[in-house]
Structure formats: C-alpha cells, structure tokens
Amino acid sequence: MVIETAQKNQKSANKVKPEATKKVAIIEMSEESQKEVEATAKASPLDELVGHAEMAYAAYLEAERQVIRAYRDNELQVSKAQRKAEQQAQSIYDAAVAEALGAREEALSQAMKAYDKALEKAEAALIQDKQGADSACQESIAQALSARNAALDETWKTRDDCIERAWSIYSKMTK
C-alpha cells in the first residue's frame, strides 16, 4: 500500500515541477507512510517489517531522483564551463587576428611613407613590405587558429571525460 502511495506521489511529483510541490508530496508521502506503518504495527511484526520495507523503498526512489537531478545539474555545469572555455578561446583568437591586422596596417603605413620619399625605392619597398606584412599576418592568423582549435579540442575532451566519468559513476551506483 505504501509502495502504491509512493508511486502515485512519484507520478504526481514528476508532472509538477516546482520544488515546493515536491516537498509537500514527500511530506504527505512520509505522513501517509507513517500512519500506515502505525496501523500495520498493531497488526503483526511481519506487517510492520513490510511497512518498514515499503518506507525504505519510497526513500530509495526519492534518493534515486535526487541522484539523477545531481547528475543532470553536473552535466549542465560541465557544459556551461565548456561554453565559457569556447568563448575565451574565441576571444583570444579575435584579439590575435585584430593584432595581426593592426600590424599589417602599420607595416602598410610605413611602406606608404617610404614611397612618398623616393618613388623608385618606395615601389620596391612597398611590394616587399606588403608581402612581408601579408605573410606575417597569415602566419599570425594560422598560429592563432591552431591555438584556438587546440584549446577547443581540449575543452571538448575535458567535457566529454567529465560527463563520461559522471555517468560511469552513476551507472555503477544503479547496478
């Protein structure tokens, strides 16, 4: 009877999400369970033992729901940390690209000043400096991209490892 009440309360607790309603359902379940155990205690020791077993089963079901909630919360926290690491990697990448483009612009500006001083020397210097700036820019962008990709790979690996360990622990606990 307590098991039926616990299952009925579990079904109603699963339909209603607010924590206050769950606490009320648990309190009601506990009060009903205690009343039924008291009533069965007068009947026989076997009935009392069955009542205690049913109460223990109801407590087990609640504990299992709490463990599942804790694992879900953990998964959300790991995902949030992974997204934060992704954003940081993207910010570092964006800063490196901006710096590389700024360096490129600075190199172009210097090349244009040299061009104004001497047309013949400036043309050769402009071509050479522009190629050097483009090469440096591309190299800086490639390095920043590589660093970003490595950071993203590491965050995904860390996230996957954390989630896998958490579910492994949970699956061991439920066996």
C-alpha atoms as a PDB file:
ATOM      1  CA  MET A   1       0.000   0.000   0.000  1.00  0.00           C
ATOM      2  CA  VAL A   2       2.867   2.383   0.860  1.00  0.00           C
ATOM      3  CA  ILE A   3       4.555   1.456  -2.430  1.00  0.00           C
ATOM      4  CA  GLU A   4       1.397   2.327  -4.341  1.00  0.00           C
ATOM      5  CA  THR A   5       1.167   5.634  -2.460  1.00  0.00           C
ATOM      6  CA  ALA A   6       4.857   6.331  -3.132  1.00  0.00           C
ATOM      7  CA  GLN A   7       4.455   5.528  -6.826  1.00  0.00           C
ATOM      8  CA  LYS A   8       1.335   7.687  -7.034  1.00  0.00           C
ATOM      9  CA  ASN A   9       3.179  10.540  -5.310  1.00  0.00           C
ATOM     10  CA  GLN A  10       6.188   9.966  -7.583  1.00  0.00           C
ATOM     11  CA  LYS A  11       3.994  10.234 -10.688  1.00  0.00           C
ATOM     12  CA  SER A  12       2.343  13.409  -9.419  1.00  0.00           C
ATOM     13  CA  ALA A  13       5.761  14.835  -8.424  1.00  0.00           C
ATOM     14  CA  ASN A  14       7.065  14.124 -11.938  1.00  0.00           C
ATOM     15  CA  LYS A  15       4.153  16.032 -13.511  1.00  0.00           C
ATOM     16  CA  VAL A  16       4.517  19.114 -11.268  1.00  0.00           C
ATOM     17  CA  LYS A  17       7.945  20.732 -11.462  1.00  0.00           C
ATOM     18  CA  PRO A  18       8.060  23.320  -8.605  1.00  0.00           C
ATOM     19  CA  GLU A  19      10.265  22.263  -5.696  1.00  0.00           C
ATOM     20  CA  ALA A  20       7.668  23.336  -3.115  1.00  0.00           C
ATOM     21  CA  THR A  21       5.109  20.916  -4.540  1.00  0.00           C
ATOM     22  CA  LYS A  22       7.671  18.091  -4.456  1.00  0.00           C
ATOM     23  CA  LYS A  23       8.477  18.825  -0.816  1.00  0.00           C
ATOM     24  CA  VAL A  24       4.774  18.811   0.069  1.00  0.00           C
ATOM     25  CA  ALA A  25       4.323  15.498  -1.777  1.00  0.00           C
ATOM     26  CA  ILE A  26       7.278  13.995   0.088  1.00  0.00           C
ATOM     27  CA  ILE A  27       5.928  15.228   3.440  1.00  0.00           C
ATOM     28  CA  GLU A  28       2.477  13.882   2.599  1.00  0.00           C
ATOM     29  CA  MET A  29       4.035  10.601   1.484  1.00  0.00           C
ATOM     30  CA  SER A  30       6.007  10.410   4.736  1.00  0.00           C
ATOM     31  CA  GLU A  31       2.934  11.201   6.859  1.00  0.00           C
ATOM     32  CA  GLU A  32       0.808   8.640   4.994  1.00  0.00           C
ATOM     33  CA  SER A  33       3.577   6.084   5.251  1.00  0.00           C
ATOM     34  CA  GLN A  34       3.940   6.667   8.988  1.00  0.00           C
ATOM     35  CA  LYS A  35       0.172   6.352   9.539  1.00  0.00           C
ATOM     36  CA  GLU A  36       0.070   3.127   7.542  1.00  0.00           C
ATOM     37  CA  VAL A  37       3.088   1.739   9.396  1.00  0.00           C
ATOM     38  CA  GLU A  38       1.466   2.608  12.723  1.00  0.00           C
ATOM     39  CA  ALA A  39      -1.743   0.905  11.611  1.00  0.00           C
ATOM     40  CA  THR A  40       0.120  -2.177  10.403  1.00  0.00           C
ATOM     41  CA  ALA A  41       2.322  -2.260  13.525  1.00  0.00           C
ATOM     42  CA  LYS A  42      -0.758  -3.139  15.531  1.00  0.00           C
ATOM     43  CA  ALA A  43      -1.480  -5.993  13.133  1.00  0.00           C
ATOM     44  CA  SER A  44       1.699  -8.095  13.295  1.00  0.00           C
ATOM     45  CA  PRO A  45       5.513  -7.927  13.263  1.00  0.00           C
ATOM     46  CA  LEU A  46       5.529  -9.154   9.666  1.00  0.00           C
ATOM     47  CA  ASP A  47       3.230  -6.325   8.630  1.00  0.00           C
ATOM     48  CA  GLU A  48       5.482  -3.913  10.496  1.00  0.00           C
ATOM     49  CA  LEU A  49       8.511  -5.277   8.649  1.00  0.00           C
ATOM     50  CA  VAL A  50       6.705  -4.957   5.320  1.00  0.00           C
ATOM     51  CA  GLY A  51       5.776  -1.380   6.230  1.00  0.00           C
ATOM     52  CA  HIS A  52       9.388  -0.526   7.013  1.00  0.00           C
ATOM     53  CA  ALA A  53      10.499  -2.123   3.750  1.00  0.00           C
ATOM     54  CA  GLU A  54       7.938  -0.074   1.835  1.00  0.00           C
ATOM     55  CA  MET A  55       9.115   3.109   3.571  1.00  0.00           C
ATOM     56  CA  ALA A  56      12.708   2.221   2.720  1.00  0.00           C
ATOM     57  CA  TYR A  57      11.729   1.630  -0.908  1.00  0.00           C
ATOM     58  CA  ALA A  58       9.971   5.002  -1.060  1.00  0.00           C
ATOM     59  CA  ALA A  59      13.082   6.665   0.406  1.00  0.00           C
ATOM     60  CA  TYR A  60      15.189   4.799  -2.158  1.00  0.00           C
ATOM     61  CA  LEU A  61      13.038   6.126  -5.020  1.00  0.00           C
ATOM     62  CA  GLU A  62      13.406   9.677  -3.730  1.00  0.00           C
ATOM     63  CA  ALA A  63      17.164   9.276  -3.333  1.00  0.00           C
ATOM     64  CA  GLU A  64      17.411   7.940  -6.882  1.00  0.00           C
ATOM     65  CA  ARG A  65      15.538  11.005  -8.195  1.00  0.00           C
ATOM     66  CA  GLN A  66      17.916  13.259  -6.275  1.00  0.00           C
ATOM     67  CA  VAL A  67      20.954  11.456  -7.712  1.00  0.00           C
ATOM     68  CA  ILE A  68      19.573  11.829 -11.246  1.00  0.00           C
ATOM     69  CA  ARG A  69      18.943  15.535 -10.595  1.00  0.00           C
ATOM     70  CA  ALA A  70      22.504  15.910  -9.294  1.00  0.00           C
ATOM     71  CA  TYR A  71      23.945  14.238 -12.403  1.00  0.00           C
ATOM     72  CA  ARG A  72      21.850  16.444 -14.669  1.00  0.00           C
ATOM     73  CA  ASP A  73      22.997  19.536 -12.765  1.00  0.00           C
ATOM     74  CA  ASN A  74      26.598  18.351 -13.080  1.00  0.00           C
ATOM     75  CA  GLU A  75      26.196  17.865 -16.827  1.00  0.00           C
ATOM     76  CA  LEU A  76      24.778  21.388 -17.147  1.00  0.00           C
ATOM     77  CA  GLN A  77      27.699  22.818 -15.170  1.00  0.00           C
ATOM     78  CA  VAL A  78      30.243  20.964 -17.313  1.00  0.00           C
ATOM     79  CA  SER A  79      28.527  22.211 -20.478  1.00  0.00           C
ATOM     80  CA  LYS A  80      28.494  25.761 -19.128  1.00  0.00           C
ATOM     81  CA  ALA A  81      32.217  25.562 -18.334  1.00  0.00           C
ATOM     82  CA  GLN A  82      32.879  24.205 -21.817  1.00  0.00           C
ATOM     83  CA  ARG A  83      30.928  27.073 -23.418  1.00  0.00           C
ATOM     84  CA  LYS A  84      32.891  29.558 -21.304  1.00  0.00           C
ATOM     85  CA  ALA A  85      36.180  27.993 -22.437  1.00  0.00           C
ATOM     86  CA  GLU A  86      34.975  28.179 -26.048  1.00  0.00           C
ATOM     87  CA  GLN A  87      34.176  31.866 -25.636  1.00  0.00           C
ATOM     88  CA  GLN A  88      37.597  32.523 -24.098  1.00  0.00           C
ATOM     89  CA  ALA A  89      39.318  30.711 -26.963  1.00  0.00           C
ATOM     90  CA  GLN A  90      37.279  32.731 -29.466  1.00  0.00           C
ATOM     91  CA  SER A  91      38.195  35.986 -27.669  1.00  0.00           C
ATOM     92  CA  ILE A  92      41.894  35.097 -27.787  1.00  0.00           C
ATOM     93  CA  TYR A  93      41.562  34.261 -31.464  1.00  0.00           C
ATOM     94  CA  ASP A  94      39.749  37.526 -32.207  1.00  0.00           C
ATOM     95  CA  ALA A  95      42.409  39.527 -30.344  1.00  0.00           C
ATOM     96  CA  ALA A  96      45.213  37.779 -32.244  1.00  0.00           C
ATOM     97  CA  VAL A  97      43.513  38.461 -35.577  1.00  0.00           C
ATOM     98  CA  ALA A  98      42.981  42.110 -34.647  1.00  0.00           C
ATOM     99  CA  GLU A  99      46.616  42.405 -33.598  1.00  0.00           C
ATOM    100  CA  ALA A 100      47.799  40.758 -36.821  1.00  0.00           C
ATOM    101  CA  LEU A 101      45.611  43.057 -38.901  1.00  0.00           C
ATOM    102  CA  GLY A 102      46.840  46.069 -36.907  1.00  0.00           C
ATOM    103  CA  ALA A 103      50.419  45.008 -37.507  1.00  0.00           C
ATOM    104  CA  ARG A 104      49.631  44.624 -41.187  1.00  0.00           C
ATOM    105  CA  GLU A 105      48.140  48.112 -41.316  1.00  0.00           C
ATOM    106  CA  GLU A 106      51.157  49.545 -39.518  1.00  0.00           C
ATOM    107  CA  ALA A 107      53.506  47.888 -41.980  1.00  0.00           C
ATOM    108  CA  LEU A 108      51.476  49.239 -44.907  1.00  0.00           C
ATOM    109  CA  SER A 109      51.538  52.741 -43.437  1.00  0.00           C
ATOM    110  CA  GLN A 110      55.293  52.668 -43.090  1.00  0.00           C
ATOM    111  CA  ALA A 111      55.611  51.402 -46.644  1.00  0.00           C
ATOM    112  CA  MET A 112      53.487  54.267 -47.950  1.00  0.00           C
ATOM    113  CA  LYS A 113      55.667  56.840 -46.167  1.00  0.00           C
ATOM    114  CA  ALA A 114      58.761  55.320 -47.753  1.00  0.00           C
ATOM    115  CA  TYR A 115      57.030  55.504 -51.121  1.00  0.00           C
ATOM    116  CA  ASP A 116      56.476  59.240 -50.708  1.00  0.00           C
ATOM    117  CA  LYS A 117      60.183  59.863 -50.038  1.00  0.00           C
ATOM    118  CA  ALA A 118      61.501  58.120 -53.076  1.00  0.00           C
ATOM    119  CA  LEU A 119      59.269  56.805 -55.798  1.00  0.00           C
ATOM    120  CA  GLU A 120      61.623  54.234 -57.195  1.00  0.00           C
ATOM    121  CA  LYS A 121      62.809  52.960 -53.801  1.00  0.00           C
ATOM    122  CA  ALA A 122      59.303  53.157 -52.430  1.00  0.00           C
ATOM    123  CA  GLU A 123      57.809  50.924 -55.116  1.00  0.00           C
ATOM    124  CA  ALA A 124      60.277  48.156 -54.353  1.00  0.00           C
ATOM    125  CA  ALA A 125      59.928  48.690 -50.603  1.00  0.00           C
ATOM    126  CA  LEU A 126      56.128  48.739 -50.856  1.00  0.00           C
ATOM    127  CA  ILE A 127      55.998  45.444 -52.694  1.00  0.00           C
ATOM    128  CA  GLN A 128      58.477  43.857 -50.306  1.00  0.00           C
ATOM    129  CA  ASP A 129      56.866  45.251 -47.140  1.00  0.00           C
ATOM    130  CA  LYS A 130      53.361  44.350 -48.294  1.00  0.00           C
ATOM    131  CA  GLN A 131      54.407  40.778 -48.992  1.00  0.00           C
ATOM    132  CA  GLY A 132      56.118  40.585 -45.605  1.00  0.00           C
ATOM    133  CA  ALA A 133      53.076  42.044 -43.845  1.00  0.00           C
ATOM    134  CA  ASP A 134      50.716  39.660 -45.627  1.00  0.00           C
ATOM    135  CA  SER A 135      52.958  36.732 -44.807  1.00  0.00           C
ATOM    136  CA  ALA A 136      53.260  37.770 -41.159  1.00  0.00           C
ATOM    137  CA  CYS A 137      49.519  38.333 -40.968  1.00  0.00           C
ATOM    138  CA  GLN A 138      48.734  34.945 -42.464  1.00  0.00           C
ATOM    139  CA  GLU A 139      51.254  33.273 -40.191  1.00  0.00           C
ATOM    140  CA  SER A 140      49.827  35.010 -37.101  1.00  0.00           C
ATOM    141  CA  ILE A 141      46.286  34.078 -38.100  1.00  0.00           C
ATOM    142  CA  ALA A 142      47.332  30.483 -38.756  1.00  0.00           C
ATOM    143  CA  GLN A 143      49.028  30.295 -35.349  1.00  0.00           C
ATOM    144  CA  ALA A 144      46.014  31.837 -33.613  1.00  0.00           C
ATOM    145  CA  LEU A 145      43.681  29.428 -35.423  1.00  0.00           C
ATOM    146  CA  SER A 146      45.841  26.494 -34.434  1.00  0.00           C
ATOM    147  CA  ALA A 147      45.906  27.638 -30.791  1.00  0.00           C
ATOM    148  CA  ARG A 148      42.141  28.155 -30.808  1.00  0.00           C
ATOM    149  CA  ASN A 149      41.495  24.738 -32.330  1.00  0.00           C
ATOM    150  CA  ALA A 150      43.791  23.082 -29.795  1.00  0.00           C
ATOM    151  CA  ALA A 151      42.019  24.873 -26.935  1.00  0.00           C
ATOM    152  CA  LEU A 152      38.599  23.877 -28.285  1.00  0.00           C
ATOM    153  CA  ASP A 153      39.687  20.266 -28.714  1.00  0.00           C
ATOM    154  CA  GLU A 154      40.968  20.219 -25.134  1.00  0.00           C
ATOM    155  CA  THR A 155      37.745  21.713 -23.735  1.00  0.00           C
ATOM    156  CA  TRP A 156      35.626  19.184 -25.631  1.00  0.00           C
ATOM    157  CA  LYS A 157      37.820  16.359 -24.429  1.00  0.00           C
ATOM    158  CA  THR A 158      37.629  17.594 -20.830  1.00  0.00           C
ATOM    159  CA  ARG A 159      33.862  17.977 -21.099  1.00  0.00           C
ATOM    160  CA  ASP A 160      33.402  14.523 -22.592  1.00  0.00           C
ATOM    161  CA  ASP A 161      35.683  12.964 -19.962  1.00  0.00           C
ATOM    162  CA  CYS A 162      33.775  14.653 -17.127  1.00  0.00           C
ATOM    163  CA  ILE A 163      30.404  13.577 -18.451  1.00  0.00           C
ATOM    164  CA  GLU A 164      31.615  10.039 -19.143  1.00  0.00           C
ATOM    165  CA  ARG A 165      33.063   9.727 -15.618  1.00  0.00           C
ATOM    166  CA  ALA A 166      29.885  11.088 -14.059  1.00  0.00           C
ATOM    167  CA  TRP A 167      27.637   8.680 -15.943  1.00  0.00           C
ATOM    168  CA  SER A 168      30.040   5.828 -15.260  1.00  0.00           C
ATOM    169  CA  ILE A 169      29.788   6.525 -11.553  1.00  0.00           C
ATOM    170  CA  TYR A 170      26.033   6.763 -11.819  1.00  0.00           C
ATOM    171  CA  SER A 171      25.751   3.502 -13.753  1.00  0.00           C
ATOM    172  CA  LYS A 172      27.897   1.757 -11.130  1.00  0.00           C
ATOM    173  CA  MET A 173      25.687   3.151  -8.378  1.00  0.00           C
ATOM    174  CA  THR A 174      22.493   1.973 -10.015  1.00  0.00           C
ATOM    175  CA  LYS A 175      23.701  -1.592 -10.566  1.00  0.00           C
END
